[in-house]
Amino acid sequence: MQHRTLTLALLLSLSPLSHAQQDPPSSTPVTAAEHKAVVEQLGQQLRAKYVFPDAGTSLADALRAREAAGAYATAKDVNAFASALATDMRTLGKGRALRRGPCTRLQATSGRAGAHGAGT
């Protein structure tokens, strides 16, 4: 489960938040437990690394509350979950500092290095 959760988190990080993406993430099924695990891991990263610490904590809490309320229950595959989560991040985060360029390190990890300007 740990490996699958990390894979889902990686797919989500390369999903609609990255405008340079060429291939959509796979339509791999995703479970409610995986929704929760990904939201928790994302929340940890937002709290630790978001450019505005208070806003990162607030966004992490809001995403956790949405997940607990069943907001992602209809997202049965990675595509749907990534889309719903990205929309919530943009909406709840009010668009602040959520756009980013390609991340070579993540792309290399997923075997996608070079697809979006490796070496940047």
N, C-alpha and C. Protein backbone atom coordinates (compact mmCIF):
# COMPACT_ATOMS: atom_id res chain seq x y z
N MET A 1 0.83 -1.19 0.00
CA MET A 1 0.00 0.00 0.00
C MET A 1 0.87 1.25 0.00
N GLN A 2 1.97 1.24 0.75
CA GLN A 2 2.87 2.40 0.82
C GLN A 2 3.38 2.75 -0.58
N HIS A 3 3.85 1.74 -1.33
CA HIS A 3 4.37 1.99 -2.68
C HIS A 3 3.27 2.53 -3.59
N ARG A 4 2.08 1.96 -3.52
CA ARG A 4 0.98 2.42 -4.37
C ARG A 4 0.58 3.85 -4.01
N THR A 5 0.57 4.17 -2.71
CA THR A 5 0.24 5.52 -2.27
C THR A 5 1.26 6.51 -2.79
N LEU A 6 2.54 6.17 -2.71
CA LEU A 6 3.58 7.05 -3.23
C LEU A 6 3.45 7.22 -4.73
N THR A 7 3.11 6.15 -5.43
CA THR A 7 2.91 6.22 -6.88
C THR A 7 1.74 7.14 -7.19
N LEU A 8 0.65 7.02 -6.43
CA LEU A 8 -0.50 7.90 -6.63
C LEU A 8 -0.13 9.35 -6.38
N ALA A 9 0.63 9.59 -5.32
CA ALA A 9 1.05 10.96 -5.02
C ALA A 9 1.90 11.51 -6.16
N LEU A 10 2.77 10.69 -6.71
CA LEU A 10 3.59 11.12 -7.83
C LEU A 10 2.73 11.43 -9.04
N LEU A 11 1.78 10.56 -9.35
CA LEU A 11 0.89 10.81 -10.49
C LEU A 11 0.10 12.10 -10.29
N LEU A 12 -0.36 12.32 -9.06
CA LEU A 12 -1.11 13.55 -8.78
C LEU A 12 -0.23 14.78 -8.96
N SER A 13 1.03 14.67 -8.56
CA SER A 13 1.91 15.83 -8.69
C SER A 13 2.19 16.16 -10.15
N LEU A 14 2.03 15.21 -11.03
CA LEU A 14 2.28 15.44 -12.45
C LEU A 14 0.99 15.67 -13.22
N SER A 15 -0.14 15.75 -12.54
CA SER A 15 -1.43 15.84 -13.18
C SER A 15 -1.80 17.26 -13.58
N PRO A 16 -3.03 17.65 -13.48
CA PRO A 16 -3.47 18.94 -14.03
C PRO A 16 -2.72 20.16 -13.50
N LEU A 17 -2.00 20.04 -12.41
CA LEU A 17 -1.25 21.19 -11.91
C LEU A 17 -0.08 21.53 -12.83
N SER A 18 0.36 20.60 -13.61
CA SER A 18 1.47 20.83 -14.55
C SER A 18 0.90 21.02 -15.94
N HIS A 19 0.98 22.24 -16.43
CA HIS A 19 0.40 22.55 -17.74
C HIS A 19 1.22 21.97 -18.89
N ALA A 20 2.45 21.56 -18.64
CA ALA A 20 3.31 21.05 -19.70
C ALA A 20 3.15 19.56 -19.92
N GLN A 21 2.29 18.92 -19.17
CA GLN A 21 2.15 17.47 -19.24
C GLN A 21 1.62 17.05 -20.60
N GLN A 22 2.21 16.00 -21.16
CA GLN A 22 1.77 15.50 -22.45
C GLN A 22 0.84 14.31 -22.31
N ASP A 23 1.15 13.39 -21.42
CA ASP A 23 0.35 12.20 -21.24
C ASP A 23 -0.43 12.30 -19.94
N PRO A 24 -1.76 12.04 -19.97
CA PRO A 24 -2.52 12.07 -18.73
C PRO A 24 -2.12 10.90 -17.83
N PRO A 25 -2.33 11.04 -16.52
CA PRO A 25 -2.04 9.91 -15.66
C PRO A 25 -2.95 8.74 -16.03
N SER A 26 -2.54 7.56 -15.65
CA SER A 26 -3.33 6.38 -16.00
C SER A 26 -4.68 6.39 -15.30
N SER A 27 -5.58 5.59 -15.80
CA SER A 27 -6.90 5.49 -15.18
C SER A 27 -6.92 4.34 -14.16
N THR A 28 -5.83 4.19 -13.44
CA THR A 28 -5.71 3.18 -12.41
C THR A 28 -6.76 3.42 -11.33
N PRO A 29 -7.48 2.38 -10.92
CA PRO A 29 -8.46 2.55 -9.85
C PRO A 29 -7.80 3.04 -8.56
N VAL A 30 -8.54 3.80 -7.79
CA VAL A 30 -8.04 4.33 -6.53
C VAL A 30 -9.11 4.12 -5.46
N THR A 31 -8.67 3.73 -4.26
CA THR A 31 -9.60 3.43 -3.18
C THR A 31 -9.76 4.62 -2.22
N ALA A 32 -10.77 4.54 -1.38
CA ALA A 32 -10.99 5.57 -0.36
C ALA A 32 -9.79 5.67 0.57
N ALA A 33 -9.19 4.54 0.92
CA ALA A 33 -8.00 4.56 1.80
C ALA A 33 -6.85 5.28 1.11
N GLU A 34 -6.73 5.10 -0.19
CA GLU A 34 -5.67 5.79 -0.93
C GLU A 34 -5.96 7.28 -1.05
N HIS A 35 -7.23 7.65 -1.21
CA HIS A 35 -7.60 9.07 -1.19
C HIS A 35 -7.09 9.69 0.11
N LYS A 36 -7.42 9.05 1.21
CA LYS A 36 -7.04 9.59 2.51
C LYS A 36 -5.53 9.67 2.66
N ALA A 37 -4.81 8.63 2.26
CA ALA A 37 -3.36 8.62 2.38
C ALA A 37 -2.71 9.72 1.53
N VAL A 38 -3.19 9.90 0.32
CA VAL A 38 -2.64 10.94 -0.56
C VAL A 38 -2.92 12.32 0.01
N VAL A 39 -4.14 12.57 0.48
CA VAL A 39 -4.48 13.86 1.06
C VAL A 39 -3.62 14.13 2.30
N GLU A 40 -3.39 13.11 3.11
CA GLU A 40 -2.53 13.26 4.29
C GLU A 40 -1.10 13.61 3.90
N GLN A 41 -0.55 12.89 2.91
CA GLN A 41 0.82 13.17 2.47
C GLN A 41 0.92 14.55 1.84
N LEU A 42 -0.07 14.91 1.05
CA LEU A 42 -0.09 16.23 0.45
C LEU A 42 -0.16 17.30 1.53
N GLY A 43 -0.99 17.06 2.53
CA GLY A 43 -1.10 18.01 3.65
C GLY A 43 0.22 18.19 4.37
N GLN A 44 0.95 17.10 4.59
CA GLN A 44 2.27 17.19 5.23
C GLN A 44 3.21 18.05 4.40
N GLN A 45 3.18 17.86 3.09
CA GLN A 45 4.05 18.65 2.21
C GLN A 45 3.64 20.12 2.18
N LEU A 46 2.35 20.39 2.17
CA LEU A 46 1.88 21.77 2.19
C LEU A 46 2.29 22.47 3.48
N ARG A 47 2.15 21.77 4.59
CA ARG A 47 2.54 22.36 5.88
C ARG A 47 4.05 22.64 5.94
N ALA A 48 4.83 21.74 5.38
CA ALA A 48 6.29 21.85 5.47
C ALA A 48 6.89 22.79 4.43
N LYS A 49 6.29 22.87 3.24
CA LYS A 49 6.98 23.54 2.14
C LYS A 49 6.22 24.66 1.44
N TYR A 50 4.98 24.87 1.77
CA TYR A 50 4.21 25.91 1.09
C TYR A 50 4.83 27.27 1.37
N VAL A 51 4.88 28.11 0.39
CA VAL A 51 5.57 29.40 0.51
C VAL A 51 4.96 30.29 1.61
N PHE A 52 3.67 30.17 1.85
CA PHE A 52 3.00 30.91 2.91
C PHE A 52 2.60 29.90 3.98
N PRO A 53 3.36 29.79 5.09
CA PRO A 53 3.11 28.72 6.07
C PRO A 53 1.67 28.66 6.59
N ASP A 54 1.07 29.80 6.94
CA ASP A 54 -0.30 29.77 7.44
C ASP A 54 -1.28 29.31 6.37
N ALA A 55 -1.06 29.77 5.14
CA ALA A 55 -1.93 29.37 4.04
C ALA A 55 -1.76 27.88 3.73
N GLY A 56 -0.54 27.36 3.82
CA GLY A 56 -0.30 25.94 3.60
C GLY A 56 -1.03 25.08 4.60
N THR A 57 -0.98 25.50 5.86
CA THR A 57 -1.69 24.77 6.91
C THR A 57 -3.19 24.84 6.69
N SER A 58 -3.67 26.02 6.33
CA SER A 58 -5.10 26.19 6.09
C SER A 58 -5.57 25.34 4.91
N LEU A 59 -4.79 25.32 3.83
CA LEU A 59 -5.14 24.51 2.67
C LEU A 59 -5.10 23.03 3.01
N ALA A 60 -4.09 22.59 3.74
CA ALA A 60 -3.99 21.19 4.14
C ALA A 60 -5.21 20.79 4.97
N ASP A 61 -5.60 21.64 5.91
CA ASP A 61 -6.77 21.36 6.75
C ASP A 61 -8.05 21.31 5.93
N ALA A 62 -8.18 22.22 4.96
CA ALA A 62 -9.38 22.25 4.12
C ALA A 62 -9.47 21.00 3.25
N LEU A 63 -8.34 20.57 2.70
CA LEU A 63 -8.34 19.35 1.88
C LEU A 63 -8.68 18.12 2.72
N ARG A 64 -8.14 18.08 3.93
CA ARG A 64 -8.45 16.96 4.82
C ARG A 64 -9.94 16.94 5.16
N ALA A 65 -10.51 18.11 5.42
CA ALA A 65 -11.94 18.20 5.73
C ALA A 65 -12.79 17.76 4.54
N ARG A 66 -12.39 18.15 3.33
CA ARG A 66 -13.12 17.73 2.12
C ARG A 66 -13.05 16.22 1.96
N GLU A 67 -11.87 15.65 2.19
CA GLU A 67 -11.72 14.20 2.06
C GLU A 67 -12.58 13.49 3.10
N ALA A 68 -12.57 13.98 4.34
CA ALA A 68 -13.35 13.36 5.42
C ALA A 68 -14.85 13.46 5.15
N ALA A 69 -15.26 14.51 4.45
CA ALA A 69 -16.67 14.70 4.14
C ALA A 69 -17.10 13.89 2.91
N GLY A 70 -16.16 13.18 2.29
CA GLY A 70 -16.50 12.33 1.15
C GLY A 70 -16.45 13.03 -0.20
N ALA A 71 -15.77 14.17 -0.27
CA ALA A 71 -15.72 14.93 -1.52
C ALA A 71 -15.07 14.16 -2.66
N TYR A 72 -14.21 13.20 -2.35
CA TYR A 72 -13.51 12.46 -3.40
C TYR A 72 -14.06 11.04 -3.59
N ALA A 73 -15.16 10.73 -2.93
CA ALA A 73 -15.72 9.38 -2.97
C ALA A 73 -16.12 8.95 -4.38
N THR A 74 -16.51 9.88 -5.22
CA THR A 74 -16.91 9.52 -6.58
C THR A 74 -15.70 9.41 -7.52
N ALA A 75 -14.52 9.80 -7.05
CA ALA A 75 -13.31 9.72 -7.87
C ALA A 75 -12.77 8.30 -7.76
N LYS A 76 -13.16 7.47 -8.68
CA LYS A 76 -12.83 6.04 -8.62
C LYS A 76 -11.52 5.68 -9.32
N ASP A 77 -10.93 6.64 -10.06
CA ASP A 77 -9.64 6.37 -10.68
C ASP A 77 -8.72 7.57 -10.50
N VAL A 78 -7.45 7.38 -10.84
CA VAL A 78 -6.45 8.41 -10.62
C VAL A 78 -6.79 9.69 -11.38
N ASN A 79 -7.28 9.56 -12.61
CA ASN A 79 -7.64 10.75 -13.39
C ASN A 79 -8.67 11.61 -12.68
N ALA A 80 -9.75 10.98 -12.24
CA ALA A 80 -10.82 11.72 -11.57
C ALA A 80 -10.35 12.30 -10.24
N PHE A 81 -9.58 11.53 -9.49
CA PHE A 81 -9.08 12.00 -8.20
C PHE A 81 -8.12 13.17 -8.40
N ALA A 82 -7.22 13.05 -9.35
CA ALA A 82 -6.26 14.13 -9.62
C ALA A 82 -6.98 15.41 -10.02
N SER A 83 -7.98 15.27 -10.86
CA SER A 83 -8.74 16.44 -11.30
C SER A 83 -9.48 17.10 -10.14
N ALA A 84 -10.15 16.30 -9.32
CA ALA A 84 -10.89 16.84 -8.18
C ALA A 84 -9.95 17.49 -7.17
N LEU A 85 -8.84 16.85 -6.90
CA LEU A 85 -7.88 17.39 -5.94
C LEU A 85 -7.24 18.67 -6.46
N ALA A 86 -6.88 18.70 -7.73
CA ALA A 86 -6.28 19.90 -8.32
C ALA A 86 -7.26 21.07 -8.30
N THR A 87 -8.53 20.78 -8.62
CA THR A 87 -9.55 21.83 -8.59
C THR A 87 -9.70 22.38 -7.18
N ASP A 88 -9.75 21.49 -6.20
CA ASP A 88 -9.87 21.93 -4.81
C ASP A 88 -8.64 22.74 -4.38
N MET A 89 -7.47 22.32 -4.79
CA MET A 89 -6.27 23.06 -4.41
C MET A 89 -6.29 24.47 -4.98
N ARG A 90 -6.70 24.59 -6.25
CA ARG A 90 -6.77 25.93 -6.85
C ARG A 90 -7.85 26.77 -6.18
N THR A 91 -9.01 26.17 -5.93
CA THR A 91 -10.13 26.90 -5.35
C THR A 91 -9.87 27.26 -3.89
N LEU A 92 -9.52 26.27 -3.09
CA LEU A 92 -9.31 26.49 -1.66
C LEU A 92 -8.05 27.28 -1.39
N GLY A 93 -7.04 27.13 -2.25
CA GLY A 93 -5.79 27.87 -2.09
C GLY A 93 -5.84 29.23 -2.75
N LYS A 94 -6.98 29.54 -3.35
CA LYS A 94 -7.19 30.82 -4.02
C LYS A 94 -6.11 31.11 -5.06
N GLY A 95 -5.56 30.02 -5.65
CA GLY A 95 -4.60 30.16 -6.73
C GLY A 95 -3.21 30.63 -6.33
N ARG A 96 -2.97 30.83 -5.04
CA ARG A 96 -1.67 31.36 -4.60
C ARG A 96 -0.59 30.30 -4.69
N ALA A 97 0.44 30.61 -5.45
CA ALA A 97 1.67 29.82 -5.52
C ALA A 97 1.44 28.34 -5.80
N LEU A 98 0.40 28.01 -6.54
CA LEU A 98 0.14 26.60 -6.84
C LEU A 98 0.59 26.21 -8.23
N ARG A 99 0.88 27.17 -9.06
CA ARG A 99 1.40 26.84 -10.39
C ARG A 99 2.89 26.64 -10.27
N ARG A 100 3.36 25.64 -10.99
CA ARG A 100 4.79 25.37 -10.95
C ARG A 100 5.22 24.85 -12.31
N GLY A 101 6.49 24.97 -12.56
CA GLY A 101 7.04 24.45 -13.80
C GLY A 101 7.34 22.97 -13.63
N PRO A 102 7.88 22.37 -14.68
CA PRO A 102 8.21 20.94 -14.60
C PRO A 102 9.26 20.67 -13.55
N CYS A 103 9.15 19.54 -12.94
CA CYS A 103 10.09 19.13 -11.90
C CYS A 103 10.88 17.94 -12.43
N THR A 104 12.10 18.17 -12.83
CA THR A 104 12.93 17.13 -13.44
C THR A 104 13.12 15.95 -12.50
N ARG A 105 13.32 16.21 -11.21
CA ARG A 105 13.55 15.13 -10.26
C ARG A 105 12.35 14.19 -10.22
N LEU A 106 11.12 14.73 -10.16
CA LEU A 106 9.94 13.88 -10.14
C LEU A 106 9.76 13.16 -11.46
N GLN A 107 10.04 13.84 -12.55
CA GLN A 107 9.90 13.20 -13.85
C GLN A 107 10.90 12.06 -13.99
N ALA A 108 12.13 12.26 -13.50
CA ALA A 108 13.13 11.20 -13.58
C ALA A 108 12.70 10.00 -12.75
N THR A 109 12.11 10.25 -11.61
CA THR A 109 11.63 9.18 -10.74
C THR A 109 10.56 8.38 -11.44
N SER A 110 9.73 9.05 -12.21
CA SER A 110 8.62 8.36 -12.88
C SER A 110 9.00 7.85 -14.26
N GLY A 111 10.26 8.04 -14.65
CA GLY A 111 10.69 7.59 -15.96
C GLY A 111 10.31 8.54 -17.06
N ARG A 112 9.95 9.78 -16.72
CA ARG A 112 9.49 10.74 -17.70
C ARG A 112 10.52 11.84 -17.94
N ALA A 113 11.74 11.69 -17.49
CA ALA A 113 12.77 12.71 -17.70
C ALA A 113 12.89 12.99 -19.18
N GLY A 114 13.05 14.23 -19.51
CA GLY A 114 13.22 14.62 -20.89
C GLY A 114 11.92 15.02 -21.56
N ALA A 115 10.80 14.54 -21.04
CA ALA A 115 9.53 14.85 -21.66
C ALA A 115 9.16 16.33 -21.50
N HIS A 116 9.71 16.96 -20.47
CA HIS A 116 9.34 18.34 -20.20
C HIS A 116 10.57 19.20 -19.96
N GLY A 117 11.59 19.00 -20.72
CA GLY A 117 12.76 19.86 -20.59
C GLY A 117 13.72 19.38 -19.54
N ALA A 118 14.15 18.14 -19.60
CA ALA A 118 15.12 17.62 -18.65
C ALA A 118 16.33 18.53 -18.62
N GLY A 119 16.89 18.66 -17.46
CA GLY A 119 18.04 19.52 -17.29
C GLY A 119 17.68 20.88 -16.80
N THR A 120 16.36 21.15 -16.62
CA THR A 120 15.92 22.43 -16.12
C THR A 120 15.86 22.39 -14.63
